Amino acid sequence: MDVALAVDMLLAAAGGLSEEAVLVSGDGDLARAVEAARELGFPVRVVQFQDAIARELASAATEMGLLDGLDWKEPRREYVEAHSQ
């Protein structure tokens, strides 16, 4: 699964299929793929719980978003409001 995700992200980056990637994972195995996408000029936002993200993945990301503290009854609205400022 990690390999497929990494390949899809790099294909999107190289092919101009998207403006950015939002990766909901904390797996450090994906750090190199995130770095490679960024080398292609493709921003990658990583979103995960703080205690479940590998340090190397957080360092590789263009931007980090934490899921901690969201109101899970209405997570979309809370996330949008928190990030629209």
PDB file of N, CA and C in Angstrom:
ATOM      1  N   MET A   1       0.814  -1.192   0.000  1.00  0.00           N
ATOM      2  CA  MET A   1       0.000   0.000   0.000  1.00  0.00           C
ATOM      3  C   MET A   1       0.860   1.260   0.000  1.00  0.00           C
ATOM      4  N   ASP A   2       1.926   1.266   0.817  1.00  0.00           N
ATOM      5  CA  ASP A   2       2.801   2.432   0.843  1.00  0.00           C
ATOM      6  C   ASP A   2       3.426   2.696  -0.524  1.00  0.00           C
ATOM      7  N   VAL A   3       3.824   1.631  -1.196  1.00  0.00           N
ATOM      8  CA  VAL A   3       4.463   1.791  -2.506  1.00  0.00           C
ATOM      9  C   VAL A   3       3.479   2.384  -3.500  1.00  0.00           C
ATOM     10  N   ALA A   4       2.258   1.907  -3.521  1.00  0.00           N
ATOM     11  CA  ALA A   4       1.242   2.427  -4.442  1.00  0.00           C
ATOM     12  C   ALA A   4       0.956   3.902  -4.150  1.00  0.00           C
ATOM     13  N   LEU A   5       0.877   4.249  -2.900  1.00  0.00           N
ATOM     14  CA  LEU A   5       0.631   5.631  -2.515  1.00  0.00           C
ATOM     15  C   LEU A   5       1.783   6.533  -2.944  1.00  0.00           C
ATOM     16  N   ALA A   6       3.002   6.076  -2.720  1.00  0.00           N
ATOM     17  CA  ALA A   6       4.179   6.848  -3.117  1.00  0.00           C
ATOM     18  C   ALA A   6       4.232   7.027  -4.628  1.00  0.00           C
ATOM     19  N   VAL A   7       3.966   5.964  -5.375  1.00  0.00           N
ATOM     20  CA  VAL A   7       3.989   6.036  -6.834  1.00  0.00           C
ATOM     21  C   VAL A   7       2.913   6.988  -7.336  1.00  0.00           C
ATOM     22  N   ASP A   8       1.706   6.887  -6.807  1.00  0.00           N
ATOM     23  CA  ASP A   8       0.619   7.783  -7.228  1.00  0.00           C
ATOM     24  C   ASP A   8       0.951   9.247  -6.949  1.00  0.00           C
ATOM     25  N   MET A   9       1.552   9.512  -5.789  1.00  0.00           N
ATOM     26  CA  MET A   9       1.906  10.885  -5.448  1.00  0.00           C
ATOM     27  C   MET A   9       2.961  11.425  -6.421  1.00  0.00           C
ATOM     28  N   LEU A  10       3.948  10.606  -6.755  1.00  0.00           N
ATOM     29  CA  LEU A  10       4.996  11.050  -7.670  1.00  0.00           C
ATOM     30  C   LEU A  10       4.480  11.192  -9.095  1.00  0.00           C
ATOM     31  N   LEU A  11       3.574  10.328  -9.512  1.00  0.00           N
ATOM     32  CA  LEU A  11       2.971  10.481 -10.840  1.00  0.00           C
ATOM     33  C   LEU A  11       2.154  11.769 -10.921  1.00  0.00           C
ATOM     34  N   ALA A  12       1.425  12.075  -9.868  1.00  0.00           N
ATOM     35  CA  ALA A  12       0.655  13.324  -9.834  1.00  0.00           C
ATOM     36  C   ALA A  12       1.587  14.528  -9.878  1.00  0.00           C
ATOM     37  N   ALA A  13       2.695  14.431  -9.163  1.00  0.00           N
ATOM     38  CA  ALA A  13       3.666  15.531  -9.141  1.00  0.00           C
ATOM     39  C   ALA A  13       4.302  15.719 -10.510  1.00  0.00           C
ATOM     40  N   ALA A  14       4.764  14.647 -11.108  1.00  0.00           N
ATOM     41  CA  ALA A  14       5.468  14.720 -12.389  1.00  0.00           C
ATOM     42  C   ALA A  14       4.532  15.062 -13.537  1.00  0.00           C
ATOM     43  N   GLY A  15       3.284  14.613 -13.441  1.00  0.00           N
ATOM     44  CA  GLY A  15       2.334  14.820 -14.522  1.00  0.00           C
ATOM     45  C   GLY A  15       1.483  16.067 -14.406  1.00  0.00           C
ATOM     46  N   GLY A  16       1.668  16.825 -13.338  1.00  0.00           N
ATOM     47  CA  GLY A  16       0.872  18.030 -13.160  1.00  0.00           C
ATOM     48  C   GLY A  16      -0.603  17.740 -12.968  1.00  0.00           C
ATOM     49  N   LEU A  17      -0.914  16.600 -12.368  1.00  0.00           N
ATOM     50  CA  LEU A  17      -2.307  16.191 -12.188  1.00  0.00           C
ATOM     51  C   LEU A  17      -3.008  16.899 -11.041  1.00  0.00           C
ATOM     52  N   SER A  18      -2.233  17.566 -10.218  1.00  0.00           N
ATOM     53  CA  SER A  18      -2.793  18.239  -9.053  1.00  0.00           C
ATOM     54  C   SER A  18      -1.844  19.362  -8.664  1.00  0.00           C
ATOM     55  N   GLU A  19      -2.336  20.288  -7.860  1.00  0.00           N
ATOM     56  CA  GLU A  19      -1.498  21.391  -7.394  1.00  0.00           C
ATOM     57  C   GLU A  19      -0.726  21.040  -6.137  1.00  0.00           C
ATOM     58  N   GLU A  20      -1.254  20.102  -5.365  1.00  0.00           N
ATOM     59  CA  GLU A  20      -0.595  19.668  -4.138  1.00  0.00           C
ATOM     60  C   GLU A  20      -1.165  18.329  -3.709  1.00  0.00           C
ATOM     61  N   ALA A  21      -0.471  17.681  -2.773  1.00  0.00           N
ATOM     62  CA  ALA A  21      -0.966  16.434  -2.193  1.00  0.00           C
ATOM     63  C   ALA A  21      -1.250  16.660  -0.716  1.00  0.00           C
ATOM     64  N   VAL A  22      -2.282  16.000  -0.238  1.00  0.00           N
ATOM     65  CA  VAL A  22      -2.566  15.965   1.190  1.00  0.00           C
ATOM     66  C   VAL A  22      -2.462  14.502   1.585  1.00  0.00           C
ATOM     67  N   LEU A  23      -1.445  14.200   2.361  1.00  0.00           N
ATOM     68  CA  LEU A  23      -1.152  12.837   2.765  1.00  0.00           C
ATOM     69  C   LEU A  23      -1.603  12.642   4.200  1.00  0.00           C
ATOM     70  N   VAL A  24      -2.550  11.754   4.405  1.00  0.00           N
ATOM     71  CA  VAL A  24      -3.033  11.459   5.755  1.00  0.00           C
ATOM     72  C   VAL A  24      -2.366  10.155   6.183  1.00  0.00           C
ATOM     73  N   SER A  25      -1.194  10.316   6.761  1.00  0.00           N
ATOM     74  CA  SER A  25      -0.380   9.185   7.181  1.00  0.00           C
ATOM     75  C   SER A  25       0.684   9.689   8.130  1.00  0.00           C
ATOM     76  N   GLY A  26       1.216   8.796   8.909  1.00  0.00           N
ATOM     77  CA  GLY A  26       2.334   9.132   9.780  1.00  0.00           C
ATOM     78  C   GLY A  26       3.525   8.250   9.521  1.00  0.00           C
ATOM     79  N   ASP A  27       3.460   7.448   8.471  1.00  0.00           N
ATOM     80  CA  ASP A  27       4.460   6.425   8.167  1.00  0.00           C
ATOM     81  C   ASP A  27       5.753   7.036   7.628  1.00  0.00           C
ATOM     82  N   GLY A  28       6.825   6.841   8.367  1.00  0.00           N
ATOM     83  CA  GLY A  28       8.123   7.360   7.970  1.00  0.00           C
ATOM     84  C   GLY A  28       8.643   6.781   6.669  1.00  0.00           C
ATOM     85  N   ASP A  29       8.136   5.624   6.250  1.00  0.00           N
ATOM     86  CA  ASP A  29       8.554   5.026   4.981  1.00  0.00           C
ATOM     87  C   ASP A  29       8.187   5.906   3.786  1.00  0.00           C
ATOM     88  N   LEU A  30       7.238   6.814   3.977  1.00  0.00           N
ATOM     89  CA  LEU A  30       6.816   7.696   2.883  1.00  0.00           C
ATOM     90  C   LEU A  30       7.637   8.977   2.793  1.00  0.00           C
ATOM     91  N   ALA A  31       8.555   9.186   3.717  1.00  0.00           N
ATOM     92  CA  ALA A  31       9.323  10.435   3.755  1.00  0.00           C
ATOM     93  C   ALA A  31      10.102  10.664   2.465  1.00  0.00           C
ATOM     94  N   ARG A  32      10.743   9.652   1.933  1.00  0.00           N
ATOM     95  CA  ARG A  32      11.536   9.844   0.714  1.00  0.00           C
ATOM     96  C   ARG A  32      10.646  10.196  -0.473  1.00  0.00           C
ATOM     97  N   ALA A  33       9.469   9.599  -0.576  1.00  0.00           N
ATOM     98  CA  ALA A  33       8.550   9.932  -1.661  1.00  0.00           C
ATOM     99  C   ALA A  33       8.080  11.382  -1.527  1.00  0.00           C
ATOM    100  N   VAL A  34       7.836  11.830  -0.309  1.00  0.00           N
ATOM    101  CA  VAL A  34       7.440  13.222  -0.070  1.00  0.00           C
ATOM    102  C   VAL A  34       8.578  14.158  -0.480  1.00  0.00           C
ATOM    103  N   GLU A  35       9.795  13.812  -0.110  1.00  0.00           N
ATOM    104  CA  GLU A  35      10.955  14.615  -0.507  1.00  0.00           C
ATOM    105  C   GLU A  35      11.075  14.686  -2.029  1.00  0.00           C
ATOM    106  N   ALA A  36      10.904  13.537  -2.704  1.00  0.00           N
ATOM    107  CA  ALA A  36      11.005  13.504  -4.164  1.00  0.00           C
ATOM    108  C   ALA A  36       9.921  14.364  -4.814  1.00  0.00           C
ATOM    109  N   ALA A  37       8.714  14.310  -4.289  1.00  0.00           N
ATOM    110  CA  ALA A  37       7.630  15.143  -4.820  1.00  0.00           C
ATOM    111  C   ALA A  37       7.962  16.617  -4.645  1.00  0.00           C
ATOM    112  N   ARG A  38       8.495  16.966  -3.502  1.00  0.00           N
ATOM    113  CA  ARG A  38       8.883  18.363  -3.256  1.00  0.00           C
ATOM    114  C   ARG A  38      10.017  18.796  -4.179  1.00  0.00           C
ATOM    115  N   GLU A  39      10.927  17.896  -4.485  1.00  0.00           N
ATOM    116  CA  GLU A  39      12.014  18.209  -5.425  1.00  0.00           C
ATOM    117  C   GLU A  39      11.463  18.528  -6.812  1.00  0.00           C
ATOM    118  N   LEU A  40      10.295  17.981  -7.120  1.00  0.00           N
ATOM    119  CA  LEU A  40       9.622  18.264  -8.388  1.00  0.00           C
ATOM    120  C   LEU A  40       8.766  19.535  -8.305  1.00  0.00           C
ATOM    121  N   GLY A  41       8.816  20.207  -7.175  1.00  0.00           N
ATOM    122  CA  GLY A  41       8.030  21.431  -6.994  1.00  0.00           C
ATOM    123  C   GLY A  41       6.600  21.180  -6.586  1.00  0.00           C
ATOM    124  N   PHE A  42       6.315  20.001  -6.071  1.00  0.00           N
ATOM    125  CA  PHE A  42       4.965  19.581  -5.701  1.00  0.00           C
ATOM    126  C   PHE A  42       4.824  19.639  -4.184  1.00  0.00           C
ATOM    127  N   PRO A  43       4.055  20.593  -3.649  1.00  0.00           N
ATOM    128  CA  PRO A  43       3.894  20.672  -2.204  1.00  0.00           C
ATOM    129  C   PRO A  43       3.104  19.485  -1.649  1.00  0.00           C
ATOM    130  N   VAL A  44       3.549  19.003  -0.505  1.00  0.00           N
ATOM    131  CA  VAL A  44       2.879  17.879   0.154  1.00  0.00           C
ATOM    132  C   VAL A  44       2.569  18.265   1.590  1.00  0.00           C
ATOM    133  N   ARG A  45       1.281  18.315   1.898  1.00  0.00           N
ATOM    134  CA  ARG A  45       0.820  18.577   3.260  1.00  0.00           C
ATOM    135  C   ARG A  45       0.561  17.230   3.919  1.00  0.00           C
ATOM    136  N   VAL A  46       1.147  17.023   5.082  1.00  0.00           N
ATOM    137  CA  VAL A  46       0.957  15.780   5.833  1.00  0.00           C
ATOM    138  C   VAL A  46       0.036  16.075   7.001  1.00  0.00           C
ATOM    139  N   VAL A  47      -0.984  15.242   7.164  1.00  0.00           N
ATOM    140  CA  VAL A  47      -1.967  15.411   8.234  1.00  0.00           C
ATOM    141  C   VAL A  47      -2.030  14.118   9.036  1.00  0.00           C
ATOM    142  N   GLN A  48      -1.908  14.245  10.359  1.00  0.00           N
ATOM    143  CA  GLN A  48      -1.909  13.057  11.206  1.00  0.00           C
ATOM    144  C   GLN A  48      -2.007  13.501  12.661  1.00  0.00           C
ATOM    145  N   PHE A  49      -2.246  12.546  13.554  1.00  0.00           N
ATOM    146  CA  PHE A  49      -2.209  12.808  14.987  1.00  0.00           C
ATOM    147  C   PHE A  49      -0.751  12.987  15.401  1.00  0.00           C
ATOM    148  N   GLN A  50      -0.511  13.897  16.314  1.00  0.00           N
ATOM    149  CA  GLN A  50       0.853  14.235  16.701  1.00  0.00           C
ATOM    150  C   GLN A  50       1.647  13.027  17.192  1.00  0.00           C
ATOM    151  N   ASP A  51       1.024  12.154  17.954  1.00  0.00           N
ATOM    152  CA  ASP A  51       1.769  11.011  18.498  1.00  0.00           C
ATOM    153  C   ASP A  51       1.879   9.846  17.516  1.00  0.00           C
ATOM    154  N   ALA A  52       1.377  10.009  16.288  1.00  0.00           N
ATOM    155  CA  ALA A  52       1.410   8.916  15.321  1.00  0.00           C
ATOM    156  C   ALA A  52       2.198   9.265  14.062  1.00  0.00           C
ATOM    157  N   ILE A  53       2.975  10.339  14.097  1.00  0.00           N
ATOM    158  CA  ILE A  53       3.714  10.736  12.904  1.00  0.00           C
ATOM    159  C   ILE A  53       5.216  10.560  13.118  1.00  0.00           C
ATOM    160  N   ALA A  54       5.851   9.964  12.137  1.00  0.00           N
ATOM    161  CA  ALA A  54       7.301   9.786  12.189  1.00  0.00           C
ATOM    162  C   ALA A  54       7.990  11.133  11.984  1.00  0.00           C
ATOM    163  N   ARG A  55       9.036  11.352  12.715  1.00  0.00           N
ATOM    164  CA  ARG A  55       9.775  12.620  12.653  1.00  0.00           C
ATOM    165  C   ARG A  55      10.270  12.906  11.237  1.00  0.00           C
ATOM    166  N   GLU A  56      10.776  11.877  10.541  1.00  0.00           N
ATOM    167  CA  GLU A  56      11.305  12.085   9.194  1.00  0.00           C
ATOM    168  C   GLU A  56      10.211  12.471   8.197  1.00  0.00           C
ATOM    169  N   LEU A  57       8.999  11.980   8.386  1.00  0.00           N
ATOM    170  CA  LEU A  57       7.891  12.364   7.512  1.00  0.00           C
ATOM    171  C   LEU A  57       7.480  13.809   7.787  1.00  0.00           C
ATOM    172  N   ALA A  58       7.409  14.177   9.046  1.00  0.00           N
ATOM    173  CA  ALA A  58       7.068  15.557   9.397  1.00  0.00           C
ATOM    174  C   ALA A  58       8.100  16.526   8.831  1.00  0.00           C
ATOM    175  N   SER A  59       9.360  16.149   8.880  1.00  0.00           N
ATOM    176  CA  SER A  59      10.432  17.005   8.353  1.00  0.00           C
ATOM    177  C   SER A  59      10.376  17.127   6.841  1.00  0.00           C
ATOM    178  N   ALA A  60       9.933  16.083   6.162  1.00  0.00           N
ATOM    179  CA  ALA A  60       9.886  16.079   4.702  1.00  0.00           C
ATOM    180  C   ALA A  60       8.715  16.892   4.152  1.00  0.00           C
ATOM    181  N   ALA A  61       7.677  17.054   4.941  1.00  0.00           N
ATOM    182  CA  ALA A  61       6.449  17.715   4.471  1.00  0.00           C
ATOM    183  C   ALA A  61       6.647  19.200   4.221  1.00  0.00           C
ATOM    184  N   THR A  62       5.905  19.707   3.259  1.00  0.00           N
ATOM    185  CA  THR A  62       5.867  21.148   3.016  1.00  0.00           C
ATOM    186  C   THR A  62       5.159  21.830   4.180  1.00  0.00           C
ATOM    187  N   GLU A  63       4.123  21.178   4.666  1.00  0.00           N
ATOM    188  CA  GLU A  63       3.303  21.722   5.752  1.00  0.00           C
ATOM    189  C   GLU A  63       2.742  20.560   6.556  1.00  0.00           C
ATOM    190  N   MET A  64       2.565  20.773   7.856  1.00  0.00           N
ATOM    191  CA  MET A  64       1.990  19.766   8.737  1.00  0.00           C
ATOM    192  C   MET A  64       0.640  20.233   9.243  1.00  0.00           C
ATOM    193  N   GLY A  65      -0.308  19.316   9.322  1.00  0.00           N
ATOM    194  CA  GLY A  65      -1.591  19.574   9.946  1.00  0.00           C
ATOM    195  C   GLY A  65      -1.831  18.500  10.990  1.00  0.00           C
ATOM    196  N   LEU A  66      -2.243  18.893  12.160  1.00  0.00           N
ATOM    197  CA  LEU A  66      -2.486  17.924  13.233  1.00  0.00           C
ATOM    198  C   LEU A  66      -3.971  17.692  13.415  1.00  0.00           C
ATOM    199  N   LEU A  67      -4.320  16.442  13.602  1.00  0.00           N
ATOM    200  CA  LEU A  67      -5.706  16.052  13.807  1.00  0.00           C
ATOM    201  C   LEU A  67      -6.107  16.128  15.281  1.00  0.00           C
ATOM    202  N   ASP A  68      -5.127  16.322  16.150  1.00  0.00           N
ATOM    203  CA  ASP A  68      -5.410  16.418  17.577  1.00  0.00           C
ATOM    204  C   ASP A  68      -6.296  17.629  17.859  1.00  0.00           C
ATOM    205  N   GLY A  69      -7.250  17.457  18.719  1.00  0.00           N
ATOM    206  CA  GLY A  69      -8.070  18.575  19.154  1.00  0.00           C
ATOM    207  C   GLY A  69      -9.254  18.897  18.253  1.00  0.00           C
ATOM    208  N   LEU A  70      -9.449  18.154  17.172  1.00  0.00           N
ATOM    209  CA  LEU A  70     -10.615  18.406  16.324  1.00  0.00           C
ATOM    210  C   LEU A  70     -11.879  17.909  17.001  1.00  0.00           C
ATOM    211  N   ASP A  71     -12.969  18.584  16.736  1.00  0.00           N
ATOM    212  CA  ASP A  71     -14.278  18.124  17.189  1.00  0.00           C
ATOM    213  C   ASP A  71     -14.746  17.092  16.174  1.00  0.00           C
ATOM    214  N   TRP A  72     -14.694  15.822  16.536  1.00  0.00           N
ATOM    215  CA  TRP A  72     -14.975  14.755  15.574  1.00  0.00           C
ATOM    216  C   TRP A  72     -16.446  14.643  15.215  1.00  0.00           C
ATOM    217  N   LYS A  73     -17.301  15.427  15.858  1.00  0.00           N
ATOM    218  CA  LYS A  73     -18.705  15.444  15.460  1.00  0.00           C
ATOM    219  C   LYS A  73     -18.868  16.221  14.163  1.00  0.00           C
ATOM    220  N   GLU A  74     -18.000  17.230  13.955  1.00  0.00           N
ATOM    221  CA  GLU A  74     -18.035  18.033  12.739  1.00  0.00           C
ATOM    222  C   GLU A  74     -16.602  18.345  12.307  1.00  0.00           C
ATOM    223  N   PRO A  75     -15.822  17.323  11.958  1.00  0.00           N
ATOM    224  CA  PRO A  75     -14.403  17.555  11.681  1.00  0.00           C
ATOM    225  C   PRO A  75     -14.156  18.443  10.470  1.00  0.00           C
ATOM    226  N   ARG A  76     -14.962  18.347   9.431  1.00  0.00           N
ATOM    227  CA  ARG A  76     -14.703  19.141   8.237  1.00  0.00           C
ATOM    228  C   ARG A  76     -14.840  20.634   8.525  1.00  0.00           C
ATOM    229  N   ARG A  77     -15.915  21.015   9.178  1.00  0.00           N
ATOM    230  CA  ARG A  77     -16.130  22.428   9.481  1.00  0.00           C
ATOM    231  C   ARG A  77     -15.013  22.958  10.376  1.00  0.00           C
ATOM    232  N   GLU A  78     -14.647  22.209  11.397  1.00  0.00           N
ATOM    233  CA  GLU A  78     -13.594  22.630  12.316  1.00  0.00           C
ATOM    234  C   GLU A  78     -12.272  22.799  11.576  1.00  0.00           C
ATOM    235  N   TYR A  79     -11.946  21.856  10.699  1.00  0.00           N
ATOM    236  CA  TYR A  79     -10.678  21.919   9.971  1.00  0.00           C
ATOM    237  C   TYR A  79     -10.666  23.118   9.026  1.00  0.00           C
ATOM    238  N   VAL A  80     -11.755  23.326   8.315  1.00  0.00           N
ATOM    239  CA  VAL A  80     -11.832  24.439   7.371  1.00  0.00           C
ATOM    240  C   VAL A  80     -11.694  25.765   8.102  1.00  0.00           C
ATOM    241  N   GLU A  81     -12.393  25.918   9.203  1.00  0.00           N
ATOM    242  CA  GLU A  81     -12.321  27.168   9.961  1.00  0.00           C
ATOM    243  C   GLU A  81     -10.928  27.408  10.511  1.00  0.00           C
ATOM    244  N   ALA A  82     -10.275  26.367  10.989  1.00  0.00           N
ATOM    245  CA  ALA A  82      -8.953  26.498  11.574  1.00  0.00           C
ATOM    246  C   ALA A  82      -7.901  26.846  10.533  1.00  0.00           C
ATOM    247  N   HIS A  83      -8.109  26.461   9.278  1.00  0.00           N
ATOM    248  CA  HIS A  83      -7.090  26.650   8.253  1.00  0.00           C
ATOM    249  C   HIS A  83      -7.436  27.715   7.218  1.00  0.00           C
ATOM    250  N   SER A  84      -8.507  28.434   7.419  1.00  0.00           N
ATOM    251  CA  SER A  84      -8.904  29.445   6.428  1.00  0.00           C
ATOM    252  C   SER A  84      -8.420  30.841   6.816  1.00  0.00           C
ATOM    253  N   GLN A  85      -7.709  30.946   7.905  1.00  0.00           N
ATOM    254  CA  GLN A  85      -7.250  32.258   8.373  1.00  0.00           C
ATOM    255  C   GLN A  85      -5.940  32.658   7.744  1.00  0.00           C
TER     256      GLN A  85
END
